[in-house]
Amino acid sequence: MNKNILHSKIIGEGRPLLILHGLLGMGDNWISLARKYASQGFQVHLIDQRNHGKSFHSDEMNYEEMSLDLKNYADYYRLTNFDLIGHSMGGKTAMYFAINYPEMINKLIIVDIAPKYYPPHHHFIFEAIHSVDLNTPDRRTIENSLINKLQNKAIAAFLAKNIKRNKDGTFQWKANISVLEENLDILGEPLPPMSVYEKPVMFIKGDKSPYIKNEDAALIKAHFPTAEIINIINSGHWVHAEQPQIFFEKTMDFLQ
C-alpha cells in the first residue's frame, strides 16, 4: 500500500461511511460507534489523519492538504458517493473536503466545530505531553503523570492512547507532536469566505461545549444553507463519547 495513503480500520460491509477524528485523536476512538453503524449496513472507515495514529508524518499540516489526503484515500479505495462524519479538527477537514469535492459526498455530519476561526487553545495539553517522561517501563506511570498534570482523567486517558511501546520496550508518541504544536494557529483557520456547500449537512453540538455558540448559526448557514443544527444535552466537546446512544440515534435518523 502507498505509504502516503491514510491508515484506516474498515468495519462492516455496505454503504461507505468515513469518520475523521479530532486533534490528537485517531480512528480507534470511534470503534464502538463504528460497530453500531456497521450493524445498520454501513462499511465504516475509521481514518487516522496525517500526523496522527498510524498514518504518515509530514511537516505540512493544513486543511487543504488534509482534504487532499481524504481525496487520495477515497480514490485509492474507489469510494465515490459516501457519507462523512468529522469531529473538531476532523470536522474542519470534512468541511474543506465538502467545499472542494462536493460531488463525492452523500451526507455530511460535522461534530462540535463551526466554520469560524478558533485561536490556539490547546497549550495546556501540549505542556502536559512535554512534562511526561517516556523513559519508564510502565504505561500506567505515564498515564498517572498526565492525570497529575491535567487534573482530568478523561483527557489523560485520551492522550495516553497516543503512546506506543517500541520493540526495545521504550515508549514514544504516535502523533507528530512537534508539527501539531507548531501548526495550532493554522488548525484554527476558518473556512474560506464565499465557500458554499449546498447538499445535506447536520451540525451536532454538545450543549456544555463552547465550540459552537448560538451566534455561529448565521455563519454556518452562510456556508451550509441546508444545515440542520442539533444540540445534544449533557455533553461537552466529545459529544459522541459522552452521549453515544443519543449521538447514534440522531446521526442514523439523518443518514437514513
Protein backbone atom coordinates (compact mmCIF):
# COMPACT_ATOMS: atom_id res chain seq x y z
CA MET A 1 0.00 0.00 0.00
CA ASN A 2 1.11 3.55 -0.77
CA LYS A 3 2.67 4.99 2.39
CA ASN A 4 1.01 8.35 1.61
CA ILE A 5 -2.48 6.83 1.82
CA LEU A 6 -4.03 7.44 5.21
CA HIS A 7 -4.19 4.45 7.55
CA SER A 8 -7.65 3.19 8.44
CA LYS A 9 -9.59 0.40 10.07
CA ILE A 10 -12.53 -0.74 7.93
CA ILE A 11 -15.51 -2.34 9.67
CA GLY A 12 -18.59 -3.88 8.05
CA GLU A 13 -19.95 -4.05 4.52
CA GLY A 14 -22.34 -1.80 2.64
CA ARG A 15 -22.77 1.95 2.23
CA PRO A 16 -19.44 3.70 2.89
CA LEU A 17 -19.24 5.97 5.94
CA LEU A 18 -15.92 7.74 6.59
CA ILE A 19 -15.10 9.14 10.04
CA LEU A 20 -12.43 11.74 10.84
CA HIS A 21 -11.20 12.21 14.44
CA GLY A 22 -10.12 15.42 16.14
CA LEU A 23 -6.72 16.78 17.23
CA LEU A 24 -4.55 14.15 18.96
CA GLY A 25 -7.21 11.52 18.30
CA MET A 26 -7.27 8.53 15.97
CA GLY A 27 -9.81 6.40 14.17
CA ASP A 28 -9.86 3.86 17.00
CA ASN A 29 -11.54 6.47 19.25
CA TRP A 30 -14.72 5.74 17.27
CA ILE A 31 -14.61 1.93 17.34
CA SER A 32 -17.75 1.39 19.46
CA LEU A 33 -19.90 3.65 17.29
CA ALA A 34 -18.37 2.16 14.14
CA ARG A 35 -19.64 -1.30 15.13
CA LYS A 36 -23.13 0.14 15.61
CA TYR A 37 -23.10 1.79 12.19
CA ALA A 38 -21.77 -1.42 10.64
CA SER A 39 -24.70 -3.33 12.15
CA GLN A 40 -27.00 -0.99 10.21
CA GLY A 41 -25.48 -1.75 6.81
CA PHE A 42 -22.56 0.66 6.65
CA GLN A 43 -18.95 0.00 5.72
CA VAL A 44 -17.22 2.25 8.23
CA HIS A 45 -13.77 3.67 7.53
CA LEU A 46 -12.06 4.83 10.75
CA ILE A 47 -9.32 7.03 9.35
CA ASP A 48 -6.15 8.31 11.03
CA GLN A 49 -5.42 11.79 9.66
CA ARG A 50 -1.85 12.76 8.78
CA ASN A 51 0.49 13.12 11.79
CA HIS A 52 -1.92 11.01 13.86
CA GLY A 53 -2.29 7.34 14.76
CA LYS A 54 -0.65 5.03 12.23
CA SER A 55 -0.79 7.46 9.30
CA PHE A 56 2.25 9.10 7.76
CA HIS A 57 4.03 12.07 9.33
CA SER A 58 4.54 15.28 7.39
CA ASP A 59 5.83 18.78 8.10
CA GLU A 60 2.78 20.11 6.22
CA MET A 61 -0.33 20.42 8.38
CA ASN A 62 -3.19 22.40 6.89
CA TYR A 63 -6.74 21.75 5.76
CA GLU A 64 -6.10 21.90 2.02
CA GLU A 65 -3.51 19.12 2.38
CA MET A 66 -5.74 17.14 4.76
CA SER A 67 -8.67 17.50 2.39
CA LEU A 68 -6.46 16.18 -0.42
CA ASP A 69 -5.38 13.28 1.82
CA LEU A 70 -9.03 12.29 2.08
CA LYS A 71 -9.50 12.61 -1.69
CA ASN A 72 -6.49 10.34 -2.26
CA TYR A 73 -7.86 7.88 0.28
CA ALA A 74 -11.28 7.78 -1.37
CA ASP A 75 -9.71 7.35 -4.81
CA TYR A 76 -7.48 4.54 -3.53
CA TYR A 77 -10.49 2.63 -2.18
CA ARG A 78 -12.67 3.66 -5.15
CA LEU A 79 -15.24 5.39 -2.96
CA THR A 80 -17.42 7.83 -4.83
CA ASN A 81 -20.72 8.59 -3.08
CA PHE A 82 -20.05 8.30 0.65
CA ASP A 83 -21.23 9.73 3.97
CA LEU A 84 -18.72 11.67 6.04
CA ILE A 85 -18.53 12.43 9.78
CA GLY A 86 -15.86 14.76 11.17
CA HIS A 87 -15.26 15.78 14.77
CA SER A 88 -13.46 19.01 15.74
CA MET A 89 -10.28 19.20 13.60
CA GLY A 90 -11.75 16.32 11.58
CA GLY A 91 -14.89 18.39 11.16
CA LYS A 92 -12.88 21.23 9.65
CA THR A 93 -11.17 18.74 7.31
CA ALA A 94 -14.62 17.43 6.35
CA MET A 95 -15.87 20.98 5.66
CA TYR A 96 -12.90 21.74 3.41
CA PHE A 97 -13.37 18.42 1.64
CA ALA A 98 -17.07 19.11 1.09
CA ILE A 99 -16.28 22.52 -0.43
CA ASN A 100 -13.54 21.08 -2.67
CA TYR A 101 -15.18 17.79 -3.69
CA PRO A 102 -18.97 18.13 -3.17
CA GLU A 103 -19.73 15.52 -5.81
CA MET A 104 -18.08 12.80 -3.70
CA ILE A 105 -20.29 13.22 -0.62
CA ASN A 106 -23.76 11.92 0.05
CA LYS A 107 -24.44 13.24 3.57
CA LEU A 108 -22.15 15.27 5.82
CA ILE A 109 -22.10 15.38 9.64
CA ILE A 110 -19.96 17.95 11.48
CA VAL A 111 -19.43 17.38 15.19
CA ASP A 112 -18.87 20.31 17.58
CA ILE A 113 -16.94 22.70 15.37
CA ALA A 114 -18.05 25.77 13.40
CA PRO A 115 -16.56 27.14 10.14
CA LYS A 116 -15.03 30.06 12.07
CA TYR A 117 -11.53 30.91 13.32
CA TYR A 118 -10.50 29.40 16.65
CA PRO A 119 -7.45 30.91 18.37
CA PRO A 120 -4.93 28.34 19.68
CA HIS A 121 -6.21 26.98 22.98
CA HIS A 122 -4.53 23.58 23.43
CA HIS A 123 -1.33 24.79 25.05
CA PHE A 124 -2.13 23.13 28.39
CA ILE A 125 -2.42 19.76 26.63
CA PHE A 126 0.97 20.13 24.94
CA GLU A 127 2.50 21.26 28.23
CA ALA A 128 1.24 18.02 29.77
CA ILE A 129 2.65 16.00 26.87
CA HIS A 130 6.07 17.63 27.25
CA SER A 131 6.03 17.02 31.00
CA VAL A 132 5.82 13.24 30.58
CA ASP A 133 8.93 11.11 30.95
CA LEU A 134 8.66 8.36 28.32
CA ASN A 135 11.77 6.63 29.72
CA THR A 136 9.74 4.45 32.05
CA PRO A 137 8.97 0.74 31.75
CA ASP A 138 5.36 1.26 32.76
CA ARG A 139 2.49 2.78 30.75
CA ARG A 140 0.49 3.33 33.95
CA THR A 141 3.21 5.68 35.26
CA ILE A 142 2.87 7.78 32.12
CA GLU A 143 -0.91 7.95 32.40
CA ASN A 144 -0.69 8.90 36.10
CA SER A 145 1.75 11.64 35.19
CA LEU A 146 -0.76 13.01 32.68
CA ILE A 147 -3.56 12.84 35.27
CA ASN A 148 -1.45 14.74 37.80
CA LYS A 149 -0.60 17.43 35.27
CA LEU A 150 -4.06 17.84 33.74
CA GLN A 151 -6.24 17.04 36.77
CA ASN A 152 -8.61 15.37 34.31
CA LYS A 153 -8.76 11.58 33.98
CA ALA A 154 -10.76 11.58 30.74
CA ILE A 155 -8.32 13.84 28.84
CA ALA A 156 -5.35 11.94 30.31
CA ALA A 157 -6.77 8.61 29.12
CA PHE A 158 -7.50 10.13 25.69
CA LEU A 159 -3.88 11.34 25.38
CA ALA A 160 -2.45 8.07 26.69
CA LYS A 161 -3.91 6.28 23.65
CA ASN A 162 -1.26 8.18 21.68
CA ILE A 163 1.57 6.31 23.41
CA LYS A 164 3.04 3.25 21.74
CA ARG A 165 5.64 0.81 23.02
CA ASN A 166 8.65 0.23 20.78
CA LYS A 167 10.24 -3.18 20.25
CA ASP A 168 13.00 -2.30 22.71
CA GLY A 169 10.40 -1.64 25.43
CA THR A 170 10.67 2.16 25.31
CA PHE A 171 7.68 4.41 24.61
CA GLN A 172 7.02 7.12 22.05
CA TRP A 173 4.13 9.30 20.90
CA LYS A 174 2.22 8.07 17.84
CA ALA A 175 1.22 11.62 16.91
CA ASN A 176 3.73 14.03 15.37
CA ILE A 177 3.67 16.27 18.45
CA SER A 178 6.10 18.98 17.30
CA VAL A 179 4.35 19.58 13.96
CA LEU A 180 0.89 19.63 15.54
CA GLU A 181 2.02 22.15 18.13
CA GLU A 182 3.70 24.36 15.52
CA ASN A 183 0.53 24.46 13.42
CA LEU A 184 -2.15 25.12 16.05
CA ASP A 185 -2.89 28.52 14.56
CA ILE A 186 -3.33 27.04 11.08
CA LEU A 187 -5.60 24.33 12.50
CA GLY A 188 -7.83 27.10 13.88
CA GLU A 189 -8.36 28.68 10.46
CA PRO A 190 -11.89 29.43 9.24
CA LEU A 191 -13.46 28.09 6.07
CA PRO A 192 -12.55 30.31 3.08
CA PRO A 193 -15.04 33.18 2.62
CA MET A 194 -17.76 32.72 0.00
CA SER A 195 -17.34 28.92 0.02
CA VAL A 196 -20.73 27.19 -0.04
CA TYR A 197 -21.83 23.56 0.20
CA GLU A 198 -25.49 23.02 -0.64
CA LYS A 199 -26.01 19.28 -0.02
CA PRO A 200 -27.48 17.83 3.22
CA VAL A 201 -25.43 18.53 6.34
CA MET A 202 -26.00 18.14 10.05
CA PHE A 203 -24.05 20.06 12.69
CA ILE A 204 -24.06 18.48 16.15
CA LYS A 205 -23.08 20.49 19.22
CA GLY A 206 -22.61 19.47 22.82
CA ASP A 207 -24.74 21.74 24.98
CA LYS A 208 -21.91 22.17 27.51
CA SER A 209 -19.27 22.78 24.84
CA PRO A 210 -18.08 26.31 23.97
CA TYR A 211 -17.14 25.36 20.41
CA ILE A 212 -20.44 26.21 18.67
CA LYS A 213 -22.26 29.24 20.04
CA ASN A 214 -25.81 30.31 19.19
CA GLU A 215 -24.45 33.27 17.22
CA ASP A 216 -22.47 30.88 14.98
CA ALA A 217 -25.70 29.68 13.35
CA ALA A 218 -25.67 32.54 10.80
CA LEU A 219 -22.12 31.72 9.67
CA ILE A 220 -22.95 28.01 9.47
CA LYS A 221 -25.99 28.78 7.30
CA ALA A 222 -23.94 31.11 5.09
CA HIS A 223 -21.55 28.29 4.21
CA PHE A 224 -24.06 25.42 4.54
CA PRO A 225 -27.53 26.73 3.61
CA THR A 226 -29.24 23.36 4.22
CA ALA A 227 -27.59 22.85 7.62
CA GLU A 228 -29.56 21.32 10.45
CA ILE A 229 -28.04 22.19 13.85
CA ILE A 230 -28.68 19.64 16.61
CA ASN A 231 -27.95 20.19 20.30
CA ILE A 232 -27.22 17.10 22.43
CA ILE A 233 -27.81 17.65 26.13
CA ASN A 234 -25.38 16.74 28.92
CA SER A 235 -22.41 16.59 26.59
CA GLY A 236 -19.25 18.60 26.05
CA HIS A 237 -16.83 18.71 23.13
CA TRP A 238 -16.51 14.90 22.88
CA VAL A 239 -20.26 14.60 22.41
CA HIS A 240 -20.04 11.24 20.56
CA ALA A 241 -18.14 9.71 23.51
CA GLU A 242 -20.21 11.36 26.25
CA GLN A 243 -23.67 10.60 24.80
CA PRO A 244 -23.02 7.75 22.35
CA GLN A 245 -26.57 6.38 22.19
CA ILE A 246 -28.24 9.74 21.55
CA PHE A 247 -25.47 10.59 19.08
CA PHE A 248 -26.01 7.31 17.24
CA GLU A 249 -29.78 7.77 17.06
CA LYS A 250 -29.57 11.37 15.81
CA THR A 251 -26.97 10.55 13.17
CA MET A 252 -28.82 7.44 11.99
CA ASP A 253 -32.04 9.45 11.57
CA PHE A 254 -30.12 11.89 9.38
CA LEU A 255 -28.19 9.26 7.40
CA GLN A 256 -31.32 7.27 6.62
